[in-house]
């Protein structure tokens, strides 16, 4: 019987391919994160799933995402200029 490929497996596969294409042309000091997700089911409230790929470690990505979310929500405070 042929293996049935789930949507999650497809997203992971697509993410790996895109990640390889992005990563090979980036300078070594630049990181990337790519998130692929389904929208879930509005009728049942199922939130679905998310796949992500990055050239950074999880420990690096989490603070980067927190900073990005804070900026997107208008909560990021710029550091003071000059010496403290």
PDB file of N, CA and C in Angstrom:
ATOM      1  N   UNK A   1       0.841  -1.173   0.000  1.00  0.00           N
ATOM      2  CA  UNK A   1       0.000   0.000   0.000  1.00  0.00           C
ATOM      3  C   UNK A   1       0.893   1.246   0.000  1.00  0.00           C
ATOM      4  N   UNK A   2       0.656   2.217  -0.875  1.00  0.00           N
ATOM      5  CA  UNK A   2       1.498   3.414  -0.938  1.00  0.00           C
ATOM      6  C   UNK A   2       1.320   4.264   0.324  1.00  0.00           C
ATOM      7  N   UNK A   3       2.417   4.907   0.713  1.00  0.00           N
ATOM      8  CA  UNK A   3       2.379   5.773   1.889  1.00  0.00           C
ATOM      9  C   UNK A   3       1.582   7.034   1.574  1.00  0.00           C
ATOM     10  N   UNK A   4       0.695   7.395   2.484  1.00  0.00           N
ATOM     11  CA  UNK A   4      -0.071   8.627   2.336  1.00  0.00           C
ATOM     12  C   UNK A   4       0.747   9.750   2.960  1.00  0.00           C
ATOM     13  N   UNK A   5       0.995  10.787   2.182  1.00  0.00           N
ATOM     14  CA  UNK A   5       1.774  11.921   2.667  1.00  0.00           C
ATOM     15  C   UNK A   5       0.810  12.941   3.255  1.00  0.00           C
ATOM     16  N   UNK A   6       1.037  13.286   4.514  1.00  0.00           N
ATOM     17  CA  UNK A   6       0.162  14.248   5.180  1.00  0.00           C
ATOM     18  C   UNK A   6       0.520  15.671   4.767  1.00  0.00           C
ATOM     19  N   UNK A   7      -0.389  16.584   5.048  1.00  0.00           N
ATOM     20  CA  UNK A   7      -0.116  17.997   4.767  1.00  0.00           C
ATOM     21  C   UNK A   7       1.097  18.469   5.545  1.00  0.00           C
ATOM     22  N   UNK A   8       1.243  18.010   6.780  1.00  0.00           N
ATOM     23  CA  UNK A   8       2.383  18.408   7.602  1.00  0.00           C
ATOM     24  C   UNK A   8       3.692  17.920   6.978  1.00  0.00           C
ATOM     25  N   UNK A   9       3.712  16.696   6.492  1.00  0.00           N
ATOM     26  CA  UNK A   9       4.916  16.170   5.831  1.00  0.00           C
ATOM     27  C   UNK A   9       5.229  16.961   4.566  1.00  0.00           C
ATOM     28  N   UNK A  10       4.193  17.327   3.823  1.00  0.00           N
ATOM     29  CA  UNK A  10       4.403  18.124   2.609  1.00  0.00           C
ATOM     30  C   UNK A  10       5.002  19.485   2.950  1.00  0.00           C
ATOM     31  N   UNK A  11       4.456  20.142   3.995  1.00  0.00           N
ATOM     32  CA  UNK A  11       4.986  21.448   4.393  1.00  0.00           C
ATOM     33  C   UNK A  11       6.438  21.332   4.849  1.00  0.00           C
ATOM     34  N   UNK A  12       6.756  20.292   5.614  1.00  0.00           N
ATOM     35  CA  UNK A  12       8.135  20.095   6.046  1.00  0.00           C
ATOM     36  C   UNK A  12       9.062  19.901   4.854  1.00  0.00           C
ATOM     37  N   UNK A  13       8.622  19.131   3.881  1.00  0.00           N
ATOM     38  CA  UNK A  13       9.430  18.891   2.686  1.00  0.00           C
ATOM     39  C   UNK A  13       9.641  20.181   1.893  1.00  0.00           C
ATOM     40  N   UNK A  14       8.572  20.939   1.698  1.00  0.00           N
ATOM     41  CA  UNK A  14       8.673  22.218   0.987  1.00  0.00           C
ATOM     42  C   UNK A  14       9.587  23.166   1.743  1.00  0.00           C
ATOM     43  N   UNK A  15       9.437  23.214   3.062  1.00  0.00           N
ATOM     44  CA  UNK A  15      10.275  24.087   3.881  1.00  0.00           C
ATOM     45  C   UNK A  15      11.742  23.755   3.760  1.00  0.00           C
ATOM     46  N   UNK A  16      12.074  22.463   3.776  1.00  0.00           N
ATOM     47  CA  UNK A  16      13.477  22.058   3.628  1.00  0.00           C
ATOM     48  C   UNK A  16      14.037  22.500   2.282  1.00  0.00           C
ATOM     49  N   UNK A  17      13.244  22.348   1.211  1.00  0.00           N
ATOM     50  CA  UNK A  17      13.711  22.748  -0.123  1.00  0.00           C
ATOM     51  C   UNK A  17      13.946  24.254  -0.190  1.00  0.00           C
ATOM     52  N   UNK A  18      12.993  25.032   0.326  1.00  0.00           N
ATOM     53  CA  UNK A  18      13.138  26.489   0.312  1.00  0.00           C
ATOM     54  C   UNK A  18      14.312  26.904   1.196  1.00  0.00           C
ATOM     55  N   UNK A  19      14.434  26.275   2.363  1.00  0.00           N
ATOM     56  CA  UNK A  19      15.535  26.581   3.265  1.00  0.00           C
ATOM     57  C   UNK A  19      16.891  26.355   2.627  1.00  0.00           C
ATOM     58  N   UNK A  20      17.026  25.277   1.880  1.00  0.00           N
ATOM     59  CA  UNK A  20      18.277  24.991   1.184  1.00  0.00           C
ATOM     60  C   UNK A  20      18.575  26.080   0.153  1.00  0.00           C
ATOM     61  N   UNK A  21      17.555  26.497  -0.596  1.00  0.00           N
ATOM     62  CA  UNK A  21      17.751  27.546  -1.604  1.00  0.00           C
ATOM     63  C   UNK A  21      18.137  28.871  -0.970  1.00  0.00           C
ATOM     64  N   UNK A  22      17.466  29.245   0.111  1.00  0.00           N
ATOM     65  CA  UNK A  22      17.761  30.512   0.784  1.00  0.00           C
ATOM     66  C   UNK A  22      19.143  30.458   1.423  1.00  0.00           C
ATOM     67  N   UNK A  23      19.407  29.401   2.165  1.00  0.00           N
ATOM     68  CA  UNK A  23      20.621  29.298   2.954  1.00  0.00           C
ATOM     69  C   UNK A  23      21.903  29.300   2.157  1.00  0.00           C
ATOM     70  N   UNK A  24      21.877  28.736   0.967  1.00  0.00           N
ATOM     71  CA  UNK A  24      23.134  28.612   0.217  1.00  0.00           C
ATOM     72  C   UNK A  24      23.665  29.954  -0.280  1.00  0.00           C
ATOM     73  N   UNK A  25      22.816  30.967  -0.399  1.00  0.00           N
ATOM     74  CA  UNK A  25      23.254  32.262  -0.909  1.00  0.00           C
ATOM     75  C   UNK A  25      23.411  33.332   0.172  1.00  0.00           C
ATOM     76  N   UNK A  26      23.176  32.990   1.428  1.00  0.00           N
ATOM     77  CA  UNK A  26      23.293  33.977   2.503  1.00  0.00           C
ATOM     78  C   UNK A  26      24.722  34.065   3.023  1.00  0.00           C
ATOM     79  N   UNK A  27      25.139  35.271   3.400  1.00  0.00           N
ATOM     80  CA  UNK A  27      26.423  35.385   4.085  1.00  0.00           C
ATOM     81  C   UNK A  27      26.355  34.618   5.409  1.00  0.00           C
ATOM     82  N   UNK A  28      27.484  34.181   5.942  1.00  0.00           N
ATOM     83  CA  UNK A  28      27.474  33.342   7.139  1.00  0.00           C
ATOM     84  C   UNK A  28      26.941  34.035   8.392  1.00  0.00           C
ATOM     85  N   UNK A  29      26.880  35.376   8.398  1.00  0.00           N
ATOM     86  CA  UNK A  29      26.404  36.081   9.591  1.00  0.00           C
ATOM     87  C   UNK A  29      24.936  36.491   9.496  1.00  0.00           C
ATOM     88  N   UNK A  30      24.220  35.969   8.515  1.00  0.00           N
ATOM     89  CA  UNK A  30      22.802  36.281   8.347  1.00  0.00           C
ATOM     90  C   UNK A  30      21.981  35.026   8.591  1.00  0.00           C
ATOM     91  N   UNK A  31      20.960  35.163   9.425  1.00  0.00           N
ATOM     92  CA  UNK A  31      20.080  34.037   9.708  1.00  0.00           C
ATOM     93  C   UNK A  31      18.738  34.212   9.024  1.00  0.00           C
ATOM     94  N   UNK A  32      18.033  33.112   8.875  1.00  0.00           N
ATOM     95  CA  UNK A  32      16.682  33.190   8.333  1.00  0.00           C
ATOM     96  C   UNK A  32      15.795  32.194   9.064  1.00  0.00           C
ATOM     97  N   UNK A  33      14.516  32.500   9.077  1.00  0.00           N
ATOM     98  CA  UNK A  33      13.506  31.593   9.598  1.00  0.00           C
ATOM     99  C   UNK A  33      12.308  31.641   8.674  1.00  0.00           C
ATOM    100  N   UNK A  34      11.801  30.498   8.328  1.00  0.00           N
ATOM    101  CA  UNK A  34      10.651  30.397   7.433  1.00  0.00           C
ATOM    102  C   UNK A  34       9.587  29.555   8.124  1.00  0.00           C
ATOM    103  N   UNK A  35       8.377  30.086   8.196  1.00  0.00           N
ATOM    104  CA  UNK A  35       7.274  29.382   8.833  1.00  0.00           C
ATOM    105  C   UNK A  35       6.205  29.051   7.811  1.00  0.00           C
ATOM    106  N   UNK A  36       5.769  27.817   7.827  1.00  0.00           N
ATOM    107  CA  UNK A  36       4.688  27.349   6.964  1.00  0.00           C
ATOM    108  C   UNK A  36       3.610  26.787   7.879  1.00  0.00           C
ATOM    109  N   UNK A  37       2.355  27.140   7.624  1.00  0.00           N
ATOM    110  CA  UNK A  37       1.281  26.680   8.502  1.00  0.00           C
ATOM    111  C   UNK A  37      -0.027  26.597   7.733  1.00  0.00           C
ATOM    112  N   UNK A  38      -0.925  25.804   8.288  1.00  0.00           N
ATOM    113  CA  UNK A  38      -2.267  25.830   7.721  1.00  0.00           C
ATOM    114  C   UNK A  38      -3.116  26.749   8.593  1.00  0.00           C
ATOM    115  N   UNK A  39      -4.261  27.162   8.108  1.00  0.00           N
ATOM    116  CA  UNK A  39      -5.094  28.108   8.822  1.00  0.00           C
ATOM    117  C   UNK A  39      -5.985  27.449   9.859  1.00  0.00           C
ATOM    118  N   UNK A  40      -5.943  26.148   9.940  1.00  0.00           N
ATOM    119  CA  UNK A  40      -6.805  25.460  10.896  1.00  0.00           C
ATOM    120  C   UNK A  40      -8.227  25.361  10.371  1.00  0.00           C
ATOM    121  N   UNK A  41      -9.082  24.885  11.217  1.00  0.00           N
ATOM    122  CA  UNK A  41     -10.480  24.688  10.847  1.00  0.00           C
ATOM    123  C   UNK A  41     -11.345  25.644  11.663  1.00  0.00           C
ATOM    124  N   UNK A  42     -11.925  26.630  10.991  1.00  0.00           N
ATOM    125  CA  UNK A  42     -12.737  27.631  11.682  1.00  0.00           C
ATOM    126  C   UNK A  42     -13.983  27.019  12.318  1.00  0.00           C
ATOM    127  N   UNK A  43     -14.479  25.957  11.731  1.00  0.00           N
ATOM    128  CA  UNK A  43     -15.699  25.321  12.261  1.00  0.00           C
ATOM    129  C   UNK A  43     -15.437  24.613  13.584  1.00  0.00           C
ATOM    130  N   UNK A  44     -14.318  23.901  13.678  1.00  0.00           N
ATOM    131  CA  UNK A  44     -14.031  23.112  14.879  1.00  0.00           C
ATOM    132  C   UNK A  44     -13.108  23.832  15.858  1.00  0.00           C
ATOM    133  N   UNK A  45     -12.451  24.893  15.399  1.00  0.00           N
ATOM    134  CA  UNK A  45     -11.506  25.587  16.257  1.00  0.00           C
ATOM    135  C   UNK A  45     -10.129  24.944  16.275  1.00  0.00           C
ATOM    136  N   UNK A  46      -9.951  23.882  15.477  1.00  0.00           N
ATOM    137  CA  UNK A  46      -8.643  23.230  15.401  1.00  0.00           C
ATOM    138  C   UNK A  46      -7.634  24.247  14.888  1.00  0.00           C
ATOM    139  N   UNK A  47      -6.548  24.436  15.622  1.00  0.00           N
ATOM    140  CA  UNK A  47      -5.566  25.456  15.237  1.00  0.00           C
ATOM    141  C   UNK A  47      -4.573  24.961  14.199  1.00  0.00           C
ATOM    142  N   UNK A  48      -4.648  23.714  13.807  1.00  0.00           N
ATOM    143  CA  UNK A  48      -3.777  23.218  12.754  1.00  0.00           C
ATOM    144  C   UNK A  48      -2.369  22.956  13.230  1.00  0.00           C
ATOM    145  N   UNK A  49      -1.412  23.181  12.341  1.00  0.00           N
ATOM    146  CA  UNK A  49      -0.027  22.906  12.677  1.00  0.00           C
ATOM    147  C   UNK A  49       0.887  23.909  11.980  1.00  0.00           C
ATOM    148  N   UNK A  50       2.112  23.952  12.442  1.00  0.00           N
ATOM    149  CA  UNK A  50       3.105  24.846  11.863  1.00  0.00           C
ATOM    150  C   UNK A  50       4.404  24.082  11.695  1.00  0.00           C
ATOM    151  N   UNK A  51       5.063  24.335  10.593  1.00  0.00           N
ATOM    152  CA  UNK A  51       6.395  23.796  10.346  1.00  0.00           C
ATOM    153  C   UNK A  51       7.326  24.985  10.165  1.00  0.00           C
ATOM    154  N   UNK A  52       8.558  24.838  10.616  1.00  0.00           N
ATOM    155  CA  UNK A  52       9.512  25.923  10.412  1.00  0.00           C
ATOM    156  C   UNK A  52      10.880  25.365  10.096  1.00  0.00           C
ATOM    157  N   UNK A  53      11.643  26.168   9.397  1.00  0.00           N
ATOM    158  CA  UNK A  53      13.012  25.804   9.060  1.00  0.00           C
ATOM    159  C   UNK A  53      13.865  27.055   9.225  1.00  0.00           C
ATOM    160  N   UNK A  54      15.095  26.856   9.648  1.00  0.00           N
ATOM    161  CA  UNK A  54      15.985  27.977   9.888  1.00  0.00           C
ATOM    162  C   UNK A  54      17.427  27.501   9.788  1.00  0.00           C
ATOM    163  N   UNK A  55      18.320  28.432   9.520  1.00  0.00           N
ATOM    164  CA  UNK A  55      19.731  28.103   9.585  1.00  0.00           C
ATOM    165  C   UNK A  55      20.286  28.451  10.968  1.00  0.00           C
ATOM    166  N   UNK A  56      19.421  28.917  11.857  1.00  0.00           N
ATOM    167  CA  UNK A  56      19.807  29.257  13.227  1.00  0.00           C
ATOM    168  C   UNK A  56      19.303  28.168  14.181  1.00  0.00           C
ATOM    169  N   UNK A  57      19.919  28.124  15.345  1.00  0.00           N
ATOM    170  CA  UNK A  57      19.470  27.170  16.358  1.00  0.00           C
ATOM    171  C   UNK A  57      18.162  27.650  16.987  1.00  0.00           C
ATOM    172  N   UNK A  58      17.482  26.755  17.624  1.00  0.00           N
ATOM    173  CA  UNK A  58      16.246  27.099  18.343  1.00  0.00           C
ATOM    174  C   UNK A  58      16.547  28.180  19.387  1.00  0.00           C
ATOM    175  N   UNK A  59      17.688  28.059  20.061  1.00  0.00           N
ATOM    176  CA  UNK A  59      18.067  29.006  21.105  1.00  0.00           C
ATOM    177  C   UNK A  59      18.302  30.412  20.547  1.00  0.00           C
ATOM    178  N   UNK A  60      18.652  30.519  19.283  1.00  0.00           N
ATOM    179  CA  UNK A  60      18.839  31.811  18.634  1.00  0.00           C
ATOM    180  C   UNK A  60      17.523  32.329  18.069  1.00  0.00           C
ATOM    181  N   UNK A  61      16.721  31.439  17.519  1.00  0.00           N
ATOM    182  CA  UNK A  61      15.474  31.844  16.881  1.00  0.00           C
ATOM    183  C   UNK A  61      14.441  32.372  17.870  1.00  0.00           C
ATOM    184  N   UNK A  62      14.321  31.769  19.041  1.00  0.00           N
ATOM    185  CA  UNK A  62      13.274  32.187  19.983  1.00  0.00           C
ATOM    186  C   UNK A  62      13.446  33.653  20.392  1.00  0.00           C
ATOM    187  N   UNK A  63      14.634  34.104  20.825  1.00  0.00           N
ATOM    188  CA  UNK A  63      14.771  35.533  21.144  1.00  0.00           C
ATOM    189  C   UNK A  63      14.554  36.438  19.924  1.00  0.00           C
ATOM    190  N   UNK A  64      14.997  35.989  18.750  1.00  0.00           N
ATOM    191  CA  UNK A  64      14.799  36.792  17.536  1.00  0.00           C
ATOM    192  C   UNK A  64      13.304  36.946  17.250  1.00  0.00           C
ATOM    193  N   UNK A  65      12.542  35.871  17.415  1.00  0.00           N
ATOM    194  CA  UNK A  65      11.102  35.942  17.188  1.00  0.00           C
ATOM    195  C   UNK A  65      10.415  36.819  18.229  1.00  0.00           C
ATOM    196  N   UNK A  66      10.832  36.704  19.476  1.00  0.00           N
ATOM    197  CA  UNK A  66      10.249  37.545  20.529  1.00  0.00           C
ATOM    198  C   UNK A  66      10.482  39.025  20.221  1.00  0.00           C
ATOM    199  N   UNK A  67      11.686  39.343  19.758  1.00  0.00           N
ATOM    200  CA  UNK A  67      11.989  40.732  19.411  1.00  0.00           C
ATOM    201  C   UNK A  67      11.135  41.190  18.230  1.00  0.00           C
ATOM    202  N   UNK A  68      11.004  40.329  17.223  1.00  0.00           N
ATOM    203  CA  UNK A  68      10.205  40.689  16.056  1.00  0.00           C
ATOM    204  C   UNK A  68       8.738  40.903  16.450  1.00  0.00           C
ATOM    205  N   UNK A  69       8.194  40.013  17.286  1.00  0.00           N
ATOM    206  CA  UNK A  69       6.801  40.150  17.717  1.00  0.00           C
ATOM    207  C   UNK A  69       6.619  41.441  18.504  1.00  0.00           C
ATOM    208  N   UNK A  70       7.544  41.748  19.415  1.00  0.00           N
ATOM    209  CA  UNK A  70       7.447  42.986  20.186  1.00  0.00           C
ATOM    210  C   UNK A  70       7.450  44.205  19.266  1.00  0.00           C
ATOM    211  N   UNK A  71       8.299  44.177  18.243  1.00  0.00           N
ATOM    212  CA  UNK A  71       8.335  45.296  17.299  1.00  0.00           C
ATOM    213  C   UNK A  71       7.042  45.373  16.494  1.00  0.00           C
ATOM    214  N   UNK A  72       6.557  44.236  16.035  1.00  0.00           N
ATOM    215  CA  UNK A  72       5.326  44.207  15.230  1.00  0.00           C
ATOM    216  C   UNK A  72       4.121  44.691  16.041  1.00  0.00           C
ATOM    217  N   UNK A  73       4.139  44.445  17.346  1.00  0.00           N
ATOM    218  CA  UNK A  73       3.048  44.871  18.214  1.00  0.00           C
ATOM    219  C   UNK A  73       3.253  46.268  18.785  1.00  0.00           C
ATOM    220  N   UNK A  74       4.364  46.900  18.435  1.00  0.00           N
ATOM    221  CA  UNK A  74       4.637  48.250  18.903  1.00  0.00           C
ATOM    222  C   UNK A  74       5.130  48.303  20.341  1.00  0.00           C
ATOM    223  N   UNK A  75       5.644  47.199  20.860  1.00  0.00           N
ATOM    224  CA  UNK A  75       6.123  47.151  22.241  1.00  0.00           C
ATOM    225  C   UNK A  75       7.633  47.259  22.354  1.00  0.00           C
ATOM    226  N   UNK A  76       8.339  47.241  21.248  1.00  0.00           N
ATOM    227  CA  UNK A  76       9.803  47.269  21.300  1.00  0.00           C
ATOM    228  C   UNK A  76      10.279  48.672  21.626  1.00  0.00           C
ATOM    229  N   UNK A  77      11.085  48.780  22.650  1.00  0.00           N
ATOM    230  CA  UNK A  77      11.636  50.061  23.068  1.00  0.00           C
ATOM    231  C   UNK A  77      13.083  50.121  22.596  1.00  0.00           C
ATOM    232  N   UNK A  78      13.416  51.174  21.872  1.00  0.00           N
ATOM    233  CA  UNK A  78      14.785  51.338  21.369  1.00  0.00           C
ATOM    234  C   UNK A  78      15.712  51.611  22.543  1.00  0.00           C
ATOM    235  N   UNK A  79      16.914  51.040  22.504  1.00  0.00           N
ATOM    236  CA  UNK A  79      17.877  51.308  23.587  1.00  0.00           C
ATOM    237  C   UNK A  79      18.298  52.776  23.563  1.00  0.00           C
ATOM    238  N   UNK A  80      18.641  53.333  24.721  1.00  0.00           N
ATOM    239  CA  UNK A  80      19.071  54.740  24.749  1.00  0.00           C
ATOM    240  C   UNK A  80      20.370  54.914  23.964  1.00  0.00           C
ATOM    241  N   UNK A  81      20.525  56.090  23.372  1.00  0.00           N
ATOM    242  CA  UNK A  81      21.750  56.380  22.627  1.00  0.00           C
ATOM    243  C   UNK A  81      22.839  56.856  23.578  1.00  0.00           C
ATOM    244  N   UNK A  82      24.063  56.568  23.248  1.00  0.00           N
ATOM    245  CA  UNK A  82      25.189  57.002  24.062  1.00  0.00           C
ATOM    246  C   UNK A  82      25.495  56.009  25.177  1.00  0.00           C
ATOM    247  N   UNK A  83      26.470  56.374  25.987  1.00  0.00           N
ATOM    248  CA  UNK A  83      26.881  55.512  27.098  1.00  0.00           C
ATOM    249  C   UNK A  83      25.929  55.669  28.265  1.00  0.00           C
ATOM    250  N   UNK A  84      25.803  54.596  29.013  1.00  0.00           N
ATOM    251  CA  UNK A  84      24.946  54.640  30.201  1.00  0.00           C
ATOM    252  C   UNK A  84      25.786  54.684  31.445  1.00  0.00           C
TER     253      UNK A  84
END
